[in-house]
N, C-alpha and C. Protein backbone atom coordinates (compact mmCIF):
# COMPACT_ATOMS: atom_id res chain seq x y z
N MET A 1 0.47 -1.03 0.17
CA MET A 1 0.03 0.02 0.26
C MET A 1 0.74 1.05 0.00
N LYS A 2 2.02 1.43 0.81
CA LYS A 2 2.77 2.53 1.25
C LYS A 2 3.71 2.49 -0.19
N ASN A 3 3.83 1.58 -1.32
CA ASN A 3 4.65 1.64 -2.45
C ASN A 3 3.86 2.16 -3.42
N LYS A 4 2.71 1.69 -3.32
CA LYS A 4 1.60 2.34 -4.32
C LYS A 4 1.43 3.75 -4.31
N MET A 5 1.36 4.34 -3.00
CA MET A 5 1.33 5.79 -2.60
C MET A 5 2.34 6.45 -3.32
N VAL A 6 3.54 6.11 -2.86
CA VAL A 6 4.96 6.64 -3.16
C VAL A 6 4.82 6.64 -4.52
N SER A 7 4.53 5.58 -5.15
CA SER A 7 4.73 5.43 -6.89
C SER A 7 3.85 6.68 -7.53
N GLU A 8 2.40 6.47 -6.96
CA GLU A 8 1.65 7.50 -7.13
C GLU A 8 1.95 8.85 -7.10
N LEU A 9 2.33 8.99 -5.95
CA LEU A 9 3.01 10.82 -5.61
C LEU A 9 4.21 10.98 -6.82
N ILE A 10 4.93 10.13 -7.04
CA ILE A 10 6.17 10.22 -8.13
C ILE A 10 5.30 10.83 -9.37
N SER A 11 4.27 9.88 -9.64
CA SER A 11 3.89 9.97 -11.12
C SER A 11 2.95 11.39 -10.90
N TRP A 12 2.76 11.98 -10.10
CA TRP A 12 2.10 13.18 -9.95
C TRP A 12 3.16 14.29 -10.13
N VAL A 13 4.39 14.01 -9.22
CA VAL A 13 5.22 15.05 -9.51
C VAL A 13 6.11 15.35 -10.78
N LYS A 14 6.11 14.00 -11.46
CA LYS A 14 6.76 13.82 -12.54
C LYS A 14 5.66 15.02 -13.79
N ALA A 15 4.39 14.56 -13.74
CA ALA A 15 3.60 14.94 -14.43
C ALA A 15 3.40 16.34 -14.16
N LEU A 16 3.39 17.11 -13.06
CA LEU A 16 3.36 18.54 -12.89
C LEU A 16 4.77 19.17 -13.65
N ALA A 17 5.98 18.59 -12.79
CA ALA A 17 7.32 18.92 -13.67
C ALA A 17 7.33 19.13 -15.31
N ILE A 18 6.55 18.10 -16.04
CA ILE A 18 6.70 18.07 -17.19
C ILE A 18 5.69 19.11 -17.63
N ALA A 19 4.55 19.20 -17.01
CA ALA A 19 3.69 20.49 -17.34
C ALA A 19 4.45 21.70 -16.97
N LEU A 20 5.08 21.93 -15.90
CA LEU A 20 5.70 23.15 -15.69
C LEU A 20 6.95 23.72 -16.81
N ILE A 21 7.48 22.76 -17.10
CA ILE A 21 8.66 22.92 -18.29
C ILE A 21 8.17 23.22 -19.61
N ILE A 22 6.86 22.72 -20.01
CA ILE A 22 6.19 22.90 -21.18
C ILE A 22 5.67 24.39 -21.14
N VAL A 23 5.07 24.80 -20.02
CA VAL A 23 4.78 26.14 -19.83
C VAL A 23 5.90 27.24 -19.85
N LEU A 24 7.25 27.00 -19.29
CA LEU A 24 8.14 27.83 -19.30
C LEU A 24 8.85 27.84 -20.63
N VAL A 25 8.72 26.99 -21.44
CA VAL A 25 9.18 26.75 -22.77
C VAL A 25 8.39 27.66 -23.81
N CYS A 26 7.08 27.41 -23.41
CA CYS A 26 6.28 28.12 -24.31
C CYS A 26 6.18 29.41 -24.04
N ARG A 27 6.20 29.95 -22.57
CA ARG A 27 6.17 31.40 -22.53
C ARG A 27 7.51 32.11 -22.67
N GLN A 28 8.63 31.21 -22.52
CA GLN A 28 9.98 31.91 -22.99
C GLN A 28 10.01 31.88 -24.75
N PHE A 29 9.64 31.41 -25.47
CA PHE A 29 9.85 31.00 -26.59
C PHE A 29 8.75 31.06 -28.19
N LEU A 30 7.63 30.83 -27.56
CA LEU A 30 6.24 31.13 -28.36
C LEU A 30 5.41 31.93 -27.97
N ILE A 31 4.89 32.16 -26.89
CA ILE A 31 4.02 33.39 -26.57
C ILE A 31 3.92 33.81 -25.03
N THR A 32 3.57 34.99 -24.77
CA THR A 32 3.30 35.37 -23.40
C THR A 32 2.46 36.25 -23.32
N PRO A 33 1.90 36.41 -21.98
CA PRO A 33 0.73 37.40 -21.75
C PRO A 33 1.50 38.68 -21.28
N SER A 34 0.55 39.67 -21.54
CA SER A 34 1.25 40.89 -21.20
C SER A 34 -0.31 41.69 -20.56
N ILE A 35 -0.42 43.12 -20.20
CA ILE A 35 -1.11 43.96 -19.67
C ILE A 35 -0.78 45.13 -20.51
N VAL A 36 -2.16 45.59 -21.14
CA VAL A 36 -1.95 47.03 -21.30
C VAL A 36 -1.99 48.04 -20.48
N LYS A 37 -1.13 49.26 -20.47
CA LYS A 37 -1.14 50.08 -19.63
C LYS A 37 -1.22 51.41 -20.19
N GLY A 38 -2.24 52.29 -19.90
CA GLY A 38 -2.44 53.67 -20.71
C GLY A 38 -3.31 53.69 -21.68
N GLU A 39 -3.48 54.74 -22.18
CA GLU A 39 -4.67 54.97 -22.97
C GLU A 39 -4.12 55.29 -24.56
N SER A 40 -3.11 54.96 -24.82
CA SER A 40 -2.20 55.25 -26.11
C SER A 40 -2.80 54.45 -27.26
N MET A 41 -3.69 53.38 -26.96
CA MET A 41 -4.12 52.47 -28.19
C MET A 41 -5.86 52.36 -28.35
N MET A 42 -6.33 53.36 -27.50
CA MET A 42 -7.58 53.44 -27.00
C MET A 42 -8.10 53.96 -28.70
N PRO A 43 -9.32 53.33 -28.93
CA PRO A 43 -10.16 52.84 -28.66
C PRO A 43 -10.19 51.23 -28.74
N ASN A 44 -8.90 50.77 -29.38
CA ASN A 44 -8.76 49.45 -30.02
C ASN A 44 -8.25 48.40 -28.74
N LEU A 45 -7.56 48.88 -28.07
CA LEU A 45 -7.22 48.04 -26.66
C LEU A 45 -7.00 49.19 -25.72
N GLN A 46 -7.70 48.96 -24.54
CA GLN A 46 -8.05 49.59 -23.25
C GLN A 46 -6.81 49.23 -22.22
N ASP A 47 -6.75 50.37 -21.26
CA ASP A 47 -5.90 50.37 -20.00
C ASP A 47 -6.36 49.18 -19.44
N GLY A 48 -5.64 48.11 -19.11
CA GLY A 48 -5.85 47.24 -18.20
C GLY A 48 -6.52 45.64 -19.07
N ASP A 49 -6.30 46.31 -20.17
CA ASP A 49 -6.65 44.77 -21.16
C ASP A 49 -5.48 43.61 -20.88
N ARG A 50 -5.80 42.64 -21.08
CA ARG A 50 -4.56 41.29 -20.76
C ARG A 50 -4.67 40.92 -22.50
N ILE A 51 -3.76 40.82 -23.01
CA ILE A 51 -3.04 40.21 -23.98
C ILE A 51 -2.13 39.37 -24.28
N ILE A 52 -2.16 38.37 -25.39
CA ILE A 52 -1.38 37.24 -25.89
C ILE A 52 -0.40 37.39 -26.72
N LEU A 53 0.86 37.80 -26.67
CA LEU A 53 1.85 37.96 -27.82
C LEU A 53 2.27 36.89 -28.49
N SER A 54 2.40 36.78 -29.63
CA SER A 54 3.39 35.67 -30.30
C SER A 54 5.00 36.28 -30.39
N LYS A 55 5.65 35.24 -29.81
CA LYS A 55 7.23 35.75 -29.80
C LYS A 55 7.73 35.39 -31.35
N ILE A 56 6.89 34.66 -31.88
CA ILE A 56 7.37 33.77 -33.33
C ILE A 56 6.87 34.47 -34.65
N SER A 57 5.74 35.29 -34.42
CA SER A 57 5.39 35.90 -35.51
C SER A 57 6.21 36.91 -36.48
N LYS A 58 6.20 37.08 -37.75
CA LYS A 58 6.93 37.81 -38.53
C LYS A 58 6.22 39.10 -38.48
N ILE A 59 6.67 40.28 -37.99
CA ILE A 59 6.31 41.88 -37.78
C ILE A 59 5.71 42.34 -39.02
N ASP A 60 4.62 42.38 -39.16
CA ASP A 60 4.35 43.25 -40.68
C ASP A 60 3.86 44.81 -40.25
N ARG A 61 3.64 45.27 -41.12
CA ARG A 61 3.26 46.79 -41.12
C ARG A 61 1.54 46.73 -40.66
N PHE A 62 1.77 47.75 -39.53
CA PHE A 62 0.04 47.57 -39.19
C PHE A 62 -0.26 46.69 -37.99
N ASP A 63 0.58 45.57 -38.08
CA ASP A 63 0.64 45.06 -36.65
C ASP A 63 0.68 45.44 -35.04
N GLU A 64 0.08 45.39 -34.27
CA GLU A 64 0.19 45.82 -32.82
C GLU A 64 0.90 44.96 -32.12
N ILE A 65 2.28 45.74 -31.55
CA ILE A 65 2.88 45.11 -31.05
C ILE A 65 3.79 45.49 -29.42
N ALA A 66 4.07 44.66 -28.95
CA ALA A 66 4.78 45.23 -27.15
C ALA A 66 6.15 45.21 -27.35
N PHE A 67 6.43 46.04 -26.80
CA PHE A 67 8.08 46.12 -26.63
C PHE A 67 8.47 46.90 -25.77
N HIS A 68 10.05 46.72 -25.71
CA HIS A 68 10.94 47.54 -24.38
C HIS A 68 10.64 48.84 -24.77
N ALA A 69 10.39 49.83 -23.99
CA ALA A 69 10.23 51.33 -24.09
C ALA A 69 11.48 51.76 -24.18
N PRO A 70 12.33 52.60 -25.33
CA PRO A 70 13.69 53.08 -25.32
C PRO A 70 13.69 54.43 -24.30
N ASP A 71 12.49 54.80 -23.67
CA ASP A 71 12.49 55.90 -22.86
C ASP A 71 12.23 55.47 -21.46
N SER A 72 11.88 54.33 -21.01
CA SER A 72 11.43 53.91 -19.51
C SER A 72 11.71 52.54 -19.15
N LYS A 73 11.45 52.05 -17.95
CA LYS A 73 11.27 50.79 -18.04
C LYS A 73 10.23 49.90 -18.56
N ASP A 74 9.26 50.73 -18.96
CA ASP A 74 8.15 49.79 -19.19
C ASP A 74 7.95 49.40 -20.37
N ASN A 75 6.91 48.47 -20.61
CA ASN A 75 6.78 48.20 -22.20
C ASN A 75 5.84 48.84 -22.66
N TYR A 76 5.65 49.10 -23.70
CA TYR A 76 4.62 49.72 -24.85
C TYR A 76 4.01 48.93 -25.35
N VAL A 77 2.84 49.02 -25.93
CA VAL A 77 1.94 48.47 -26.91
C VAL A 77 1.71 49.51 -28.33
N LYS A 78 2.14 49.54 -29.39
CA LYS A 78 1.90 50.42 -30.41
C LYS A 78 1.70 49.75 -31.59
N ARG A 79 1.25 50.46 -32.56
CA ARG A 79 1.44 49.63 -34.18
C ARG A 79 2.14 50.29 -34.89
N VAL A 80 2.92 49.10 -35.75
CA VAL A 80 4.05 49.32 -36.68
C VAL A 80 3.51 50.07 -37.81
N ILE A 81 4.17 51.05 -37.93
CA ILE A 81 3.56 52.00 -39.11
C ILE A 81 4.88 51.88 -40.36
N GLY A 82 6.11 51.83 -39.94
CA GLY A 82 7.20 51.88 -40.82
C GLY A 82 8.18 50.90 -40.54
N LEU A 83 8.31 49.94 -41.67
CA LEU A 83 9.50 49.16 -41.69
C LEU A 83 10.76 49.49 -42.38
N PRO A 84 12.08 49.01 -41.90
CA PRO A 84 13.09 49.08 -42.78
C PRO A 84 12.91 49.73 -43.94
N GLY A 85 13.49 50.77 -44.66
CA GLY A 85 13.54 51.33 -45.73
C GLY A 85 12.14 52.22 -46.26
N ASP A 86 11.42 52.32 -45.43
CA ASP A 86 10.19 53.02 -45.44
C ASP A 86 10.43 54.83 -45.34
N GLN A 87 9.59 55.17 -46.22
CA GLN A 87 9.64 56.83 -46.29
C GLN A 87 8.36 57.18 -45.51
N ILE A 88 7.88 57.80 -44.72
CA ILE A 88 6.48 58.14 -43.97
C ILE A 88 6.69 59.64 -44.02
N GLN A 89 5.04 59.84 -44.29
CA GLN A 89 4.72 61.28 -43.77
C GLN A 89 3.29 61.12 -43.47
N MET A 90 3.02 62.35 -42.75
CA MET A 90 1.36 62.54 -42.43
C MET A 90 0.97 63.70 -43.23
N ASN A 91 0.30 63.86 -43.81
CA ASN A 91 -0.57 65.15 -44.22
C ASN A 91 -1.95 65.20 -44.48
N ASN A 92 -2.41 66.25 -44.09
CA ASN A 92 -4.03 66.27 -43.83
C ASN A 92 -4.69 64.64 -43.54
N ASP A 93 -3.83 64.38 -42.22
CA ASP A 93 -4.52 63.23 -41.76
C ASP A 93 -4.31 61.91 -42.42
N LYS A 94 -3.51 61.77 -43.51
CA LYS A 94 -3.55 60.96 -44.60
C LYS A 94 -2.01 60.44 -44.35
N LEU A 95 -1.87 58.94 -44.06
CA LEU A 95 -0.62 58.28 -43.87
C LEU A 95 -0.07 57.97 -45.14
N ILE A 96 1.25 58.46 -45.54
CA ILE A 96 1.79 58.02 -47.04
C ILE A 96 2.92 57.65 -46.42
N ILE A 97 2.84 56.38 -47.25
CA ILE A 97 4.54 55.33 -46.81
C ILE A 97 4.77 55.02 -48.59
N ASN A 98 6.19 55.63 -48.55
CA ASN A 98 6.65 55.29 -49.84
C ASN A 98 5.75 55.77 -51.08
N GLY A 99 5.34 56.97 -50.88
CA GLY A 99 4.30 57.85 -51.89
C GLY A 99 3.32 57.12 -51.77
N LYS A 100 2.71 56.22 -51.14
CA LYS A 100 1.38 55.68 -51.18
C LYS A 100 0.52 56.22 -50.26
N VAL A 101 -0.67 56.58 -50.65
CA VAL A 101 -1.61 56.62 -49.43
C VAL A 101 -2.20 55.31 -48.86
N TYR A 102 -2.12 55.49 -47.30
CA TYR A 102 -2.92 53.75 -46.55
C TYR A 102 -4.09 54.09 -45.82
N ASP A 103 -5.09 53.95 -46.03
CA ASP A 103 -6.40 53.61 -45.35
C ASP A 103 -5.84 53.11 -43.89
N GLU A 104 -6.31 54.07 -42.63
CA GLU A 104 -6.31 53.19 -41.43
C GLU A 104 -7.31 53.01 -40.70
N PRO A 105 -8.20 52.09 -40.92
CA PRO A 105 -9.31 51.99 -40.80
C PRO A 105 -9.52 51.70 -39.09
N TYR A 106 -8.37 51.59 -38.43
CA TYR A 106 -8.51 51.09 -37.17
C TYR A 106 -8.63 52.62 -36.36
N LEU A 107 -8.70 53.67 -37.31
CA LEU A 107 -8.64 55.05 -36.43
C LEU A 107 -10.25 55.52 -36.93
N ASN A 108 -10.99 54.91 -37.24
CA ASN A 108 -12.19 55.63 -38.01
C ASN A 108 -12.95 55.95 -36.38
N ALA A 109 -13.31 55.35 -35.81
CA ALA A 109 -14.20 55.20 -34.66
C ALA A 109 -13.66 56.75 -33.70
N SER A 110 -12.34 56.86 -33.71
CA SER A 110 -11.82 58.04 -32.93
C SER A 110 -12.23 59.15 -33.90
N LYS A 111 -11.91 59.05 -35.17
CA LYS A 111 -11.87 60.34 -36.39
C LYS A 111 -13.53 60.89 -36.10
N SER A 112 -14.18 60.07 -36.18
CA SER A 112 -15.62 60.37 -36.42
C SER A 112 -15.81 61.18 -35.07
N GLN A 113 -15.39 61.22 -34.38
CA GLN A 113 -15.57 61.84 -32.94
C GLN A 113 -15.24 63.65 -33.09
N LEU A 114 -14.38 63.38 -33.96
CA LEU A 114 -13.64 64.94 -34.15
C LEU A 114 -14.44 66.11 -34.82
N PRO A 115 -14.75 67.35 -34.31
CA PRO A 115 -15.36 67.91 -35.12
C PRO A 115 -14.70 68.31 -36.31
N GLU A 116 -15.75 68.62 -37.39
CA GLU A 116 -15.10 68.93 -39.12
C GLU A 116 -13.73 69.75 -38.99
N ASN A 117 -13.08 69.52 -39.89
CA ASN A 117 -11.93 70.11 -39.94
C ASN A 117 -10.81 69.96 -39.34
N GLN A 118 -10.85 69.33 -38.22
CA GLN A 118 -10.06 68.98 -37.16
C GLN A 118 -9.26 67.51 -37.51
N SER A 119 -7.97 67.96 -37.19
CA SER A 119 -7.11 66.63 -37.66
C SER A 119 -6.81 65.74 -36.39
N PHE A 120 -6.89 64.37 -36.72
CA PHE A 120 -6.61 63.88 -35.57
C PHE A 120 -5.24 63.24 -35.36
N THR A 121 -4.17 63.25 -36.42
CA THR A 121 -2.85 63.20 -36.53
C THR A 121 -2.24 64.23 -37.05
N TYR A 122 -1.37 65.04 -36.25
CA TYR A 122 -0.90 66.06 -36.83
C TYR A 122 0.31 65.97 -38.15
N ASP A 123 0.59 66.78 -38.98
CA ASP A 123 1.13 66.62 -40.13
C ASP A 123 2.55 66.39 -39.68
N PHE A 124 3.20 65.48 -40.30
CA PHE A 124 4.90 65.19 -40.14
C PHE A 124 5.60 64.64 -41.33
N ASN A 125 6.74 64.58 -41.37
CA ASN A 125 7.61 63.60 -42.08
C ASN A 125 8.81 62.89 -41.27
N LEU A 126 9.48 61.99 -41.91
CA LEU A 126 10.36 61.68 -40.86
C LEU A 126 11.49 62.28 -40.75
N GLU A 127 11.77 62.77 -41.83
CA GLU A 127 13.44 63.69 -41.49
C GLU A 127 13.35 64.58 -40.54
N ASP A 128 11.79 65.40 -40.62
CA ASP A 128 11.78 66.53 -39.35
C ASP A 128 11.69 66.13 -38.22
N LEU A 129 11.09 64.74 -37.99
CA LEU A 129 10.94 63.88 -36.49
C LEU A 129 12.25 63.19 -35.89
N THR A 130 12.99 62.49 -36.93
CA THR A 130 14.11 61.75 -36.73
C THR A 130 15.40 62.29 -37.24
N GLY A 131 15.47 63.05 -38.57
CA GLY A 131 16.53 63.47 -39.03
C GLY A 131 17.23 62.40 -40.58
N GLU A 132 15.99 61.17 -40.45
CA GLU A 132 16.46 60.24 -41.24
C GLU A 132 15.67 60.40 -42.44
N THR A 133 15.81 60.19 -43.68
CA THR A 133 14.80 60.15 -44.75
C THR A 133 13.83 58.84 -44.72
N GLU A 134 14.14 57.76 -44.21
CA GLU A 134 14.25 56.52 -44.31
C GLU A 134 14.06 55.46 -42.93
N VAL A 135 13.12 54.73 -42.75
CA VAL A 135 13.49 53.86 -41.44
C VAL A 135 14.43 53.18 -41.37
N PRO A 136 15.44 53.23 -40.73
CA PRO A 136 17.15 52.37 -40.81
C PRO A 136 16.86 50.69 -40.61
N GLU A 137 17.59 50.14 -41.10
CA GLU A 137 17.87 48.83 -40.85
C GLU A 137 17.59 48.43 -39.35
N GLY A 138 16.90 47.33 -39.05
CA GLY A 138 16.98 46.94 -37.76
C GLY A 138 15.92 47.94 -36.96
N LYS A 139 15.29 48.72 -37.41
CA LYS A 139 14.46 49.76 -36.79
C LYS A 139 12.85 49.74 -37.10
N LEU A 140 12.11 50.01 -36.57
CA LEU A 140 10.63 50.37 -36.79
C LEU A 140 9.99 51.71 -36.42
N PHE A 141 9.41 52.07 -37.15
CA PHE A 141 8.32 53.08 -36.70
C PHE A 141 7.32 53.01 -36.09
N VAL A 142 6.56 53.50 -35.08
CA VAL A 142 5.44 52.93 -34.38
C VAL A 142 4.81 54.30 -34.22
N LEU A 143 2.96 53.83 -34.07
CA LEU A 143 2.46 54.94 -33.56
C LEU A 143 1.41 54.48 -32.69
N GLY A 144 0.94 55.21 -31.76
CA GLY A 144 -0.22 54.83 -30.69
C GLY A 144 -1.82 54.94 -31.81
N ASP A 145 -2.76 54.08 -31.62
CA ASP A 145 -3.97 54.30 -32.20
C ASP A 145 -4.61 55.68 -31.76
N ASN A 146 -4.24 56.11 -30.52
CA ASN A 146 -4.96 57.20 -29.72
C ASN A 146 -3.97 58.66 -29.79
N ARG A 147 -3.73 59.20 -31.46
CA ARG A 147 -2.89 59.94 -31.69
C ARG A 147 -2.51 60.92 -31.06
N LYS A 148 -3.75 61.59 -30.45
CA LYS A 148 -3.39 62.80 -29.53
C LYS A 148 -3.08 62.87 -28.44
N LEU A 149 -2.88 61.40 -27.52
CA LEU A 149 -2.41 60.94 -25.94
C LEU A 149 -0.95 60.03 -26.62
N SER A 150 -0.74 59.55 -27.50
CA SER A 150 0.35 58.65 -27.46
C SER A 150 1.61 59.00 -27.87
N LYS A 151 2.50 58.33 -26.85
CA LYS A 151 3.94 58.71 -26.52
C LYS A 151 4.44 58.00 -27.52
N ASP A 152 4.97 57.99 -28.70
CA ASP A 152 5.28 56.93 -29.63
C ASP A 152 6.54 57.49 -30.55
N SER A 153 7.11 57.02 -31.36
CA SER A 153 8.04 57.33 -32.50
C SER A 153 8.08 58.80 -32.59
N ARG A 154 6.90 59.52 -32.71
CA ARG A 154 6.72 60.90 -32.95
C ARG A 154 7.89 61.46 -31.98
N ILE A 155 7.62 61.10 -30.79
CA ILE A 155 8.48 61.46 -29.49
C ILE A 155 9.91 60.60 -29.35
N PHE A 156 10.18 59.50 -29.06
CA PHE A 156 10.74 58.75 -28.68
C PHE A 156 11.85 58.60 -29.93
N GLY A 157 11.10 58.37 -31.34
CA GLY A 157 11.97 57.80 -32.70
C GLY A 157 11.77 56.79 -32.95
N PHE A 158 12.71 55.96 -33.77
CA PHE A 158 12.65 54.28 -33.87
C PHE A 158 12.71 53.59 -32.45
N ILE A 159 12.32 52.21 -33.00
CA ILE A 159 12.46 51.43 -31.80
C ILE A 159 13.51 50.12 -32.68
N SER A 160 14.09 49.61 -31.92
CA SER A 160 14.84 48.66 -32.58
C SER A 160 14.10 47.53 -32.47
N GLU A 161 14.29 46.66 -34.11
CA GLU A 161 13.51 45.19 -33.78
C GLU A 161 13.82 44.38 -32.94
N GLU A 162 15.10 44.45 -32.01
CA GLU A 162 15.33 43.65 -31.13
C GLU A 162 14.33 43.58 -29.57
N SER A 163 13.80 44.85 -29.62
CA SER A 163 13.32 45.55 -28.65
C SER A 163 11.88 44.67 -28.44
N VAL A 164 11.57 44.31 -29.48
CA VAL A 164 10.16 43.91 -29.70
C VAL A 164 10.00 42.84 -28.66
N ILE A 165 9.07 42.60 -27.99
CA ILE A 165 8.63 41.27 -27.22
C ILE A 165 7.69 40.45 -28.09
N GLY A 166 6.68 40.91 -28.49
CA GLY A 166 5.77 39.83 -29.55
C GLY A 166 4.94 40.75 -30.10
N ASP A 167 4.07 40.28 -31.09
CA ASP A 167 3.17 40.83 -31.80
C ASP A 167 1.67 40.39 -30.90
N VAL A 168 0.94 41.16 -30.64
CA VAL A 168 -0.65 41.01 -29.93
C VAL A 168 -1.14 40.25 -31.05
N LYS A 169 -1.56 39.27 -30.47
CA LYS A 169 -2.79 38.10 -31.20
C LYS A 169 -3.84 38.06 -30.66
N MET A 170 -4.04 38.16 -29.37
CA MET A 170 -5.57 37.88 -28.64
C MET A 170 -5.65 39.04 -27.53
N ARG A 171 -6.73 39.22 -27.40
CA ARG A 171 -7.10 39.96 -26.01
C ARG A 171 -7.93 38.58 -25.19
N ILE A 172 -7.87 38.89 -24.08
CA ILE A 172 -8.07 37.70 -23.02
C ILE A 172 -8.83 38.10 -21.84
N TRP A 173 -8.92 39.49 -21.86
CA TRP A 173 -9.34 39.95 -20.82
C TRP A 173 -9.77 41.70 -21.06
N PRO A 174 -11.19 41.97 -20.80
CA PRO A 174 -12.10 41.23 -19.96
C PRO A 174 -13.00 40.21 -20.82
N LEU A 175 -13.42 39.43 -20.21
CA LEU A 175 -14.22 38.44 -20.65
C LEU A 175 -15.23 38.55 -21.94
N ASP A 176 -15.69 40.07 -21.64
CA ASP A 176 -16.74 40.29 -22.69
C ASP A 176 -16.10 41.12 -23.82
N SER A 177 -14.74 41.10 -23.93
CA SER A 177 -14.02 41.41 -24.85
C SER A 177 -12.82 40.70 -25.75
N ILE A 178 -12.96 39.28 -24.92
CA ILE A 178 -12.02 38.20 -25.74
C ILE A 178 -12.29 38.14 -27.34
N GLU A 179 -11.17 38.39 -27.93
CA GLU A 179 -10.96 38.47 -29.44
C GLU A 179 -9.70 38.00 -30.08
N ILE A 180 -9.53 37.71 -30.95
CA ILE A 180 -8.09 37.45 -31.94
C ILE A 180 -7.92 38.46 -32.78
N ILE A 181 -7.00 39.13 -32.62
CA ILE A 181 -6.58 40.41 -32.93
C ILE A 181 -5.88 40.33 -34.33
N ASN A 182 -6.21 40.52 -35.52
CA ASN A 182 -5.48 40.57 -36.63
C ASN A 182 -4.53 41.15 -36.90
């Protein structure tokens, strides 16, 4: 009887150890949870939202990413606007990348609340902000969706691709807002 209990206990300890190792490996190399802090991504992501980040996704333009902030100990969540080699400008609330105008449908809800003839994002070009005419290799240009309040590449410049923690893939909290993020 005692041998059977010891054997059962060892079996449980092994199963728990294996489960713990799997969780640690997944969190270190595949996915990790995070919490959105602040209002810079509103209304798409709210302060306090719990999100899941993919550490293995290829980062594309307009992806929401979490990264180590270049100007604080915090992690920020922003949207990738510029990839290496891109020339970026904002003119009359129109995003222009490499001479092409891009629609930003994720800003529609916020823009619709503005008084007529008021800009949501102030005009800029990359050279005026950073001294560079294009996004350098190994760097990204990021903006928050709440452009009026966001501390982003317009303030702190480019971020390093190495500072990226992961690509936002899912909101898991609050429960009524669970969704996969494209």
